[in-house]
Amino acid sequence: MRSLKNQIKPVEFYFNLTNKEAKILETINDDQLTINDIMNRIGYSYSSLMGHIRELKSEGILSSVKSGRHYYYSISNPLVSALLT
């Protein structure tokens, strides 16, 4: 099990999100979405979106699962999920 410090770090990062990162998290929320799904819902370019996705993954907020040719992104931290509801 992850230590409390490791669980809280993404929550601290959550409070410093850019508007785009917040919009990405609100779009994904309790779902698993591909990059194309997210792009279609919020209209960001692929390159802009991937930069934010990489940042959110590196901070432990998002995770991805590969299925076939696609990666599905979801919120990996339950504390961040709770903040979105």
Protein backbone atom coordinates (compact mmCIF):
# COMPACT_ATOMS: atom_id res chain seq x y z
CA MET A 1 0.00 0.00 0.00
CA ARG A 2 1.23 3.47 -0.84
CA SER A 3 2.29 5.66 2.06
CA LEU A 4 0.09 8.57 3.05
CA LYS A 5 2.74 11.00 1.76
CA ASN A 6 2.62 9.35 -1.69
CA GLN A 7 -1.18 9.53 -1.69
CA ILE A 8 -1.27 13.20 -0.73
CA LYS A 9 1.34 14.40 -3.25
CA PRO A 10 -1.12 14.13 -6.19
CA VAL A 11 -3.74 15.98 -4.14
CA GLU A 12 -1.29 18.83 -3.54
CA PHE A 13 -0.58 18.88 -7.28
CA TYR A 14 -4.35 18.91 -7.93
CA PHE A 15 -4.65 22.30 -6.27
CA ASN A 16 -2.03 23.74 -8.63
CA LEU A 17 -3.54 22.45 -11.87
CA THR A 18 -3.75 24.56 -14.98
CA ASN A 19 -7.22 25.15 -16.41
CA LYS A 20 -6.51 22.63 -19.17
CA GLU A 21 -5.40 19.95 -16.70
CA ALA A 22 -8.49 20.53 -14.57
CA LYS A 23 -10.69 20.26 -17.68
CA ILE A 24 -9.00 16.96 -18.63
CA LEU A 25 -9.64 15.50 -15.17
CA GLU A 26 -13.25 16.69 -15.17
CA THR A 27 -13.72 15.07 -18.58
CA ILE A 28 -12.22 11.73 -17.54
CA ASN A 29 -13.68 11.75 -13.99
CA ASP A 30 -14.91 8.17 -13.32
CA ASP A 31 -14.42 6.99 -16.90
CA GLN A 32 -11.65 5.40 -18.96
CA LEU A 33 -11.07 7.41 -22.11
CA THR A 34 -8.68 7.35 -25.04
CA ILE A 35 -6.86 10.45 -26.25
CA ASN A 36 -9.33 10.69 -29.14
CA ASP A 37 -12.27 10.52 -26.72
CA ILE A 38 -10.81 13.35 -24.66
CA MET A 39 -9.93 15.42 -27.74
CA ASN A 40 -13.48 15.07 -29.09
CA ARG A 41 -15.02 16.13 -25.79
CA ILE A 42 -12.86 19.16 -25.01
CA GLY A 43 -11.32 20.15 -28.33
CA TYR A 44 -7.63 20.38 -27.40
CA SER A 45 -5.00 19.49 -29.98
CA TYR A 46 -3.24 16.14 -29.71
CA SER A 47 0.15 17.66 -28.83
CA SER A 48 -1.29 19.97 -26.17
CA LEU A 49 -3.35 17.18 -24.66
CA MET A 50 -0.44 14.70 -24.57
CA GLY A 51 1.78 17.19 -22.76
CA HIS A 52 -0.81 17.57 -20.02
CA ILE A 53 -1.50 13.82 -19.89
CA ARG A 54 2.23 13.12 -19.41
CA GLU A 55 2.39 15.65 -16.58
CA LEU A 56 -0.70 14.22 -14.86
CA LYS A 57 0.70 10.69 -15.18
CA SER A 58 4.11 11.70 -13.80
CA GLU A 59 2.39 13.21 -10.75
CA GLY A 60 0.44 10.01 -10.06
CA ILE A 61 -2.96 11.47 -10.90
CA LEU A 62 -3.63 9.54 -14.12
CA SER A 63 -2.87 6.00 -15.14
CA SER A 64 -3.21 4.25 -18.47
CA VAL A 65 -4.06 0.77 -19.66
CA LYS A 66 -3.30 -0.45 -23.16
CA SER A 67 -6.04 -2.38 -24.93
CA GLY A 68 -5.34 -3.27 -28.54
CA ARG A 69 -3.95 -0.18 -30.24
CA HIS A 70 -5.35 2.29 -27.72
CA TYR A 71 -4.39 3.55 -24.29
CA TYR A 72 -7.25 4.24 -21.90
CA TYR A 73 -6.65 6.93 -19.30
CA SER A 74 -8.29 7.08 -15.91
CA ILE A 75 -7.80 8.87 -12.60
CA SER A 76 -5.58 6.67 -10.47
CA ASN A 77 -5.76 8.48 -7.15
CA PRO A 78 -9.00 8.02 -5.17
CA LEU A 79 -8.42 11.26 -3.26
CA VAL A 80 -8.32 13.24 -6.52
CA SER A 81 -11.45 11.42 -7.72
CA ALA A 82 -13.21 12.43 -4.52
CA LEU A 83 -12.29 16.09 -5.10
CA LEU A 84 -13.95 15.97 -8.53
CA THR A 85 -17.33 14.87 -7.19
